[in-house]
N, C-alpha and C. Protein backbone atom coordinates (compact mmCIF):
# COMPACT_ATOMS: atom_id res chain seq x y z
N UNK A 1 0.90 -1.28 -0.07
CA UNK A 1 0.04 -0.08 -0.02
C UNK A 1 0.93 1.24 0.06
N UNK A 2 0.66 2.01 -0.91
CA UNK A 2 1.29 3.32 -1.07
C UNK A 2 0.44 4.60 -0.53
N UNK A 3 0.91 5.43 0.13
CA UNK A 3 0.16 6.59 0.60
C UNK A 3 0.86 7.82 0.03
N UNK A 4 0.03 8.69 -0.50
CA UNK A 4 0.52 10.08 -1.00
C UNK A 4 -0.26 11.11 -0.32
N UNK A 5 0.39 11.93 0.45
CA UNK A 5 -0.10 13.28 0.91
C UNK A 5 -0.13 14.38 0.03
N UNK A 6 -1.07 15.21 0.18
CA UNK A 6 -1.04 16.64 -0.62
C UNK A 6 -1.78 17.43 0.31
N UNK A 7 -1.68 18.80 -0.08
CA UNK A 7 -2.48 19.91 0.42
C UNK A 7 -1.75 20.64 1.28
N UNK A 8 -0.42 20.39 1.65
CA UNK A 8 0.37 21.28 2.43
C UNK A 8 0.76 22.61 1.80
N UNK A 9 1.33 23.48 2.58
CA UNK A 9 1.63 24.95 2.10
C UNK A 9 1.91 25.72 3.11
N UNK A 10 1.97 27.06 2.65
CA UNK A 10 2.00 28.28 3.69
C UNK A 10 0.80 28.91 3.73
N UNK A 11 0.36 28.99 5.25
CA UNK A 11 -0.78 29.74 5.42
C UNK A 11 -0.40 30.69 6.65
N UNK A 12 -1.26 31.73 6.73
CA UNK A 12 -1.08 32.60 7.95
C UNK A 12 -1.89 32.06 9.07
N UNK A 13 -1.36 32.45 10.30
CA UNK A 13 -1.93 32.00 11.50
C UNK A 13 -3.47 32.49 11.53
N UNK A 14 -4.26 31.42 11.95
CA UNK A 14 -5.73 31.57 11.94
C UNK A 14 -6.25 31.15 10.62
N UNK A 15 -5.59 30.55 9.84
CA UNK A 15 -6.00 29.95 8.51
C UNK A 15 -6.40 28.49 8.78
N UNK A 16 -6.80 28.08 7.58
CA UNK A 16 -7.19 26.65 7.49
C UNK A 16 -6.48 25.89 6.26
N UNK A 17 -6.10 24.75 6.42
CA UNK A 17 -5.78 23.77 5.27
C UNK A 17 -6.39 22.56 5.50
N UNK A 18 -6.59 21.92 4.39
CA UNK A 18 -7.02 20.36 4.40
C UNK A 18 -5.98 19.63 3.67
N UNK A 19 -5.50 18.59 4.38
CA UNK A 19 -4.42 17.75 3.84
C UNK A 19 -5.17 16.28 3.33
N UNK A 20 -4.73 15.79 2.31
CA UNK A 20 -5.32 14.81 1.77
C UNK A 20 -4.20 13.64 1.84
N UNK A 21 -4.79 12.24 1.89
CA UNK A 21 -3.60 11.13 1.95
C UNK A 21 -4.53 9.98 0.94
N UNK A 22 -3.93 9.77 -0.10
CA UNK A 22 -4.63 8.97 -1.01
C UNK A 22 -3.71 7.54 -0.92
N UNK A 23 -4.52 6.47 -0.67
CA UNK A 23 -3.95 5.27 -0.68
C UNK A 23 -4.06 4.52 -2.06
N UNK A 24 -2.98 3.69 -2.32
CA UNK A 24 -2.93 3.12 -3.69
C UNK A 24 -4.09 1.93 -3.77
N UNK A 25 -4.52 1.39 -2.64
CA UNK A 25 -5.46 0.36 -2.59
C UNK A 25 -6.03 0.27 -1.11
N UNK A 26 -7.04 -0.42 -0.97
CA UNK A 26 -7.68 -0.42 0.34
C UNK A 26 -6.72 -1.25 1.19
N UNK A 27 -6.22 -0.68 2.32
CA UNK A 27 -5.40 -1.34 3.26
C UNK A 27 -6.29 -2.02 4.53
N UNK A 28 -6.24 -3.15 4.75
CA UNK A 28 -7.04 -3.73 5.68
C UNK A 28 -6.37 -3.57 7.03
N UNK A 29 -6.43 -2.30 7.39
CA UNK A 29 -5.92 -1.96 8.75
C UNK A 29 -7.16 -1.29 9.49
N UNK A 30 -7.00 -1.31 10.77
CA UNK A 30 -8.03 -0.67 11.42
C UNK A 30 -7.96 0.85 11.65
N UNK A 31 -6.80 1.33 11.96
CA UNK A 31 -6.65 2.59 12.35
C UNK A 31 -5.93 3.48 11.17
N UNK A 32 -6.30 4.71 11.10
CA UNK A 32 -6.08 5.57 10.08
C UNK A 32 -5.56 6.99 10.90
N UNK A 33 -4.13 7.27 10.77
CA UNK A 33 -3.69 8.38 11.53
C UNK A 33 -3.00 9.57 10.71
N UNK A 34 -2.83 10.52 11.66
CA UNK A 34 -1.78 11.75 11.14
C UNK A 34 -0.80 11.75 12.11
N UNK A 35 0.48 12.10 11.79
CA UNK A 35 1.54 12.48 12.70
C UNK A 35 2.30 13.64 12.10
N UNK A 36 3.07 14.42 12.88
CA UNK A 36 3.67 15.50 12.38
C UNK A 36 5.08 15.46 13.19
N UNK A 37 6.17 16.19 12.44
CA UNK A 37 7.34 16.31 12.96
C UNK A 37 7.83 17.60 12.63
N UNK A 38 8.03 18.65 13.70
CA UNK A 38 8.71 19.79 13.48
C UNK A 38 9.97 19.77 13.59
N UNK A 39 10.83 20.74 13.11
CA UNK A 39 12.23 20.68 13.14
C UNK A 39 12.76 20.70 14.42
N UNK A 40 13.72 19.84 14.76
CA UNK A 40 14.43 19.79 16.05
C UNK A 40 13.50 19.03 17.06
N UNK A 41 12.37 18.51 16.69
CA UNK A 41 11.28 18.03 17.75
C UNK A 41 11.13 16.53 17.36
N UNK A 42 10.70 15.66 18.26
CA UNK A 42 10.44 14.44 17.97
C UNK A 42 9.03 14.30 17.30
N UNK A 43 8.73 13.27 16.62
CA UNK A 43 7.56 13.03 15.74
C UNK A 43 6.36 13.12 16.92
N UNK A 44 5.29 13.64 16.46
CA UNK A 44 4.04 13.82 17.36
C UNK A 44 2.86 13.33 16.64
N UNK A 45 2.26 12.42 17.52
CA UNK A 45 0.98 11.78 17.01
C UNK A 45 -0.02 12.82 16.86
N UNK A 46 -0.62 13.10 15.81
CA UNK A 46 -1.78 14.21 15.86
C UNK A 46 -3.25 13.58 16.12
N UNK A 47 -3.42 12.45 15.34
CA UNK A 47 -4.72 11.85 15.75
C UNK A 47 -4.98 10.56 14.93
N UNK A 48 -6.09 9.95 15.31
CA UNK A 48 -6.25 8.62 14.67
C UNK A 48 -7.82 8.52 14.63
N UNK A 49 -8.32 7.73 13.45
CA UNK A 49 -9.74 7.35 13.46
C UNK A 49 -9.70 5.81 13.05
N UNK A 50 -10.87 5.15 13.04
CA UNK A 50 -11.05 3.92 12.46
C UNK A 50 -11.54 3.98 11.05
N UNK A 51 -11.48 2.94 10.35
CA UNK A 51 -11.96 2.90 9.07
C UNK A 51 -13.51 3.19 9.07
N UNK A 52 -14.28 2.94 10.14
CA UNK A 52 -15.74 3.45 10.21
C UNK A 52 -15.85 4.84 10.60
N UNK A 53 -14.85 5.56 10.69
CA UNK A 53 -14.89 7.01 11.03
C UNK A 53 -14.97 7.43 12.48
N UNK A 54 -14.81 6.39 13.39
CA UNK A 54 -14.93 6.66 14.79
C UNK A 54 -13.50 7.45 15.26
N UNK A 55 -13.50 8.40 15.97
CA UNK A 55 -12.30 9.10 16.46
C UNK A 55 -11.89 8.22 17.52
N UNK A 56 -10.45 8.04 17.55
CA UNK A 56 -9.76 7.20 18.51
C UNK A 56 -8.87 8.10 19.54
N UNK A 57 -8.29 9.04 18.62
CA UNK A 57 -7.29 9.86 19.50
C UNK A 57 -7.05 11.26 18.80
N UNK A 58 -7.08 12.22 19.72
CA UNK A 58 -6.56 13.64 19.21
C UNK A 58 -5.59 14.09 20.14
N UNK A 59 -4.50 14.64 19.69
CA UNK A 59 -3.56 15.28 20.62
C UNK A 59 -4.31 16.48 21.15
N UNK A 60 -3.85 16.88 22.61
CA UNK A 60 -4.54 17.87 23.13
C UNK A 60 -4.21 19.27 22.48
N UNK A 61 -3.01 19.38 21.92
CA UNK A 61 -2.64 20.50 21.25
C UNK A 61 -3.62 20.84 20.00
N UNK A 62 -4.35 19.82 19.14
CA UNK A 62 -5.06 19.98 18.15
C UNK A 62 -6.60 19.94 18.44
N UNK A 63 -6.95 19.29 19.46
CA UNK A 63 -8.29 19.19 19.76
C UNK A 63 -9.14 20.42 19.55
N UNK A 64 -10.33 20.24 18.89
CA UNK A 64 -11.20 21.30 18.66
C UNK A 64 -10.85 22.23 17.35
N UNK A 65 -9.68 21.81 16.74
CA UNK A 65 -9.36 22.56 15.66
C UNK A 65 -9.00 21.77 14.42
N UNK A 66 -8.61 20.48 14.74
CA UNK A 66 -8.13 19.53 13.64
C UNK A 66 -9.21 18.42 13.59
N UNK A 67 -9.58 17.78 12.43
CA UNK A 67 -10.49 16.79 12.36
C UNK A 67 -10.06 15.89 11.19
N UNK A 68 -10.08 14.65 11.62
CA UNK A 68 -9.66 13.51 10.53
C UNK A 68 -10.92 13.00 10.16
N UNK A 69 -10.98 12.65 8.87
CA UNK A 69 -12.16 12.01 8.26
C UNK A 69 -11.57 11.17 7.13
N UNK A 70 -12.41 10.39 6.37
CA UNK A 70 -12.08 9.44 5.39
C UNK A 70 -13.16 9.17 4.34
N UNK A 71 -12.66 9.03 3.25
CA UNK A 71 -13.56 8.76 2.04
C UNK A 71 -13.26 7.18 1.69
N UNK A 72 -14.15 6.35 1.98
CA UNK A 72 -13.88 4.82 1.75
C UNK A 72 -13.80 4.60 0.16
N UNK A 73 -14.83 4.93 -0.65
CA UNK A 73 -14.62 4.65 -2.04
C UNK A 73 -13.32 5.28 -2.71
N UNK A 74 -13.00 6.30 -2.08
CA UNK A 74 -11.65 7.07 -2.77
C UNK A 74 -10.49 6.57 -2.23
N UNK A 75 -10.50 5.86 -1.10
CA UNK A 75 -9.38 5.28 -0.20
C UNK A 75 -8.59 6.50 0.11
N UNK A 76 -9.15 7.61 0.52
CA UNK A 76 -8.46 8.78 0.86
C UNK A 76 -8.79 9.22 2.43
N UNK A 77 -7.87 9.64 3.00
CA UNK A 77 -7.86 10.15 4.58
C UNK A 77 -7.58 11.64 4.46
N UNK A 78 -8.29 12.26 5.35
CA UNK A 78 -8.20 13.73 5.28
C UNK A 78 -7.80 14.46 6.67
N UNK A 79 -7.18 15.49 6.61
CA UNK A 79 -6.99 16.16 7.87
C UNK A 79 -7.36 17.55 7.67
N UNK A 80 -8.50 17.89 8.19
CA UNK A 80 -9.03 19.29 8.25
C UNK A 80 -8.18 20.13 9.38
N UNK A 81 -7.57 21.12 9.12
CA UNK A 81 -6.87 21.85 10.06
C UNK A 81 -7.42 23.38 10.09
N UNK A 82 -7.96 23.76 11.21
CA UNK A 82 -8.63 25.17 11.33
C UNK A 82 -7.90 25.95 12.33
N UNK A 83 -7.85 27.18 12.37
CA UNK A 83 -7.31 28.09 13.35
C UNK A 83 -5.86 27.71 13.58
N UNK A 84 -5.05 27.65 12.42
CA UNK A 84 -3.69 27.19 12.46
C UNK A 84 -2.82 28.15 13.27
N UNK A 85 -1.86 27.61 13.99
CA UNK A 85 -0.93 28.43 14.73
C UNK A 85 0.58 28.20 14.34
N UNK A 86 1.26 28.98 14.38
CA UNK A 86 2.67 28.94 14.03
C UNK A 86 3.14 27.55 14.68
N UNK A 87 2.99 27.14 15.76
CA UNK A 87 3.43 25.95 16.33
C UNK A 87 2.89 24.67 15.71
N UNK A 88 1.81 24.89 14.75
CA UNK A 88 1.45 23.79 13.98
C UNK A 88 2.34 23.48 12.74
N UNK A 89 3.44 24.38 12.61
CA UNK A 89 4.42 24.17 11.52
C UNK A 89 5.19 22.89 11.60
N UNK A 90 5.20 22.01 10.51
CA UNK A 90 5.72 20.79 10.65
C UNK A 90 5.53 19.84 9.22
N UNK A 91 6.33 18.77 9.17
CA UNK A 91 5.87 17.94 8.12
C UNK A 91 4.90 16.90 8.62
N UNK A 92 3.81 16.77 7.88
CA UNK A 92 2.65 16.05 8.39
C UNK A 92 2.67 14.55 7.52
N UNK A 93 2.59 13.55 8.23
CA UNK A 93 2.47 12.29 7.53
C UNK A 93 1.12 11.56 7.91
N UNK A 94 0.72 10.90 6.92
CA UNK A 94 -0.28 9.98 7.06
C UNK A 94 0.13 8.53 7.38
N UNK A 95 -0.51 7.75 8.16
CA UNK A 95 -0.17 6.37 8.43
C UNK A 95 -1.38 5.61 8.72
N UNK A 96 -1.33 4.29 8.44
CA UNK A 96 -2.18 3.23 8.72
C UNK A 96 -1.60 2.22 9.47
N UNK A 97 -2.46 1.64 10.43
CA UNK A 97 -2.01 0.49 11.23
C UNK A 97 -2.94 -0.24 11.70
N UNK A 98 -2.60 -1.60 12.24
CA UNK A 98 -3.45 -2.55 12.85
C UNK A 98 -3.71 -2.33 14.36
N UNK A 99 -2.77 -1.59 14.79
CA UNK A 99 -2.83 -1.35 16.41
C UNK A 99 -2.81 0.19 16.62
N UNK A 100 -3.51 0.58 17.72
CA UNK A 100 -3.63 2.03 17.88
C UNK A 100 -2.13 2.58 18.21
N UNK A 101 -1.71 3.52 17.55
CA UNK A 101 -0.39 4.28 17.70
C UNK A 101 0.73 3.54 17.23
N UNK A 102 0.48 2.36 16.36
CA UNK A 102 1.59 1.72 15.73
C UNK A 102 1.14 1.51 14.14
N UNK A 103 1.92 2.01 13.40
CA UNK A 103 1.85 2.12 12.13
C UNK A 103 2.58 1.18 11.10
N UNK A 104 1.71 0.72 10.18
CA UNK A 104 2.47 -0.36 9.20
C UNK A 104 2.82 0.42 7.76
N UNK A 105 1.96 1.31 7.50
CA UNK A 105 2.28 2.00 6.26
C UNK A 105 2.29 3.47 6.25
N UNK A 106 3.24 4.24 5.72
CA UNK A 106 3.52 5.63 5.94
C UNK A 106 3.46 6.41 4.71
N UNK A 107 2.95 7.59 4.65
CA UNK A 107 3.16 8.60 3.38
C UNK A 107 4.51 9.17 3.46
N UNK A 108 4.86 9.87 2.50
CA UNK A 108 6.16 10.60 2.43
C UNK A 108 6.31 11.95 3.20
N UNK A 109 5.00 12.47 3.46
CA UNK A 109 5.01 13.66 4.36
C UNK A 109 4.78 14.94 3.41
N UNK A 110 4.07 15.88 3.97
CA UNK A 110 3.82 17.19 3.20
C UNK A 110 4.05 18.21 4.31
N UNK A 111 4.74 19.43 3.73
CA UNK A 111 5.07 20.48 4.64
C UNK A 111 4.04 21.36 4.81
N UNK A 112 3.78 21.74 6.10
CA UNK A 112 2.80 22.76 6.46
C UNK A 112 3.54 23.95 7.20
N UNK A 113 3.39 25.04 6.71
CA UNK A 113 4.03 26.16 7.34
C UNK A 113 3.18 27.11 7.76
N UNK A 114 3.02 27.59 9.12
CA UNK A 114 2.11 28.73 9.43
C UNK A 114 2.76 29.87 9.87
N UNK A 115 2.60 30.91 9.33
CA UNK A 115 3.36 32.33 9.68
C UNK A 115 2.45 33.11 10.48
N UNK A 116 3.31 33.91 11.30
CA UNK A 116 2.46 34.58 12.45
C UNK A 116 2.09 36.00 11.83
């Protein structure tokens, strides 16, 4: 399964972006997630949902601002990011896994930069 992210870019603080993650095929994993890594920082788990769309986890830093969703027929995962802050600047990765917080498939990442 190959994952390709898109939708990253430069946005001003308070703005919104929607990231997409297209899978080359249906992956029979349970969990769909987004992670991010800022320069000089460890990778951070942003959030996960199940294939049925049920939320599993959101980091405290993004709760109420970010929403993960999926389109099953399109094999696509989304990350809607609202009220973006400079501290959201990072490379964002989508990932799929059979266990919560453990990922078997990864995308290549897309850069999100939030200017103040």
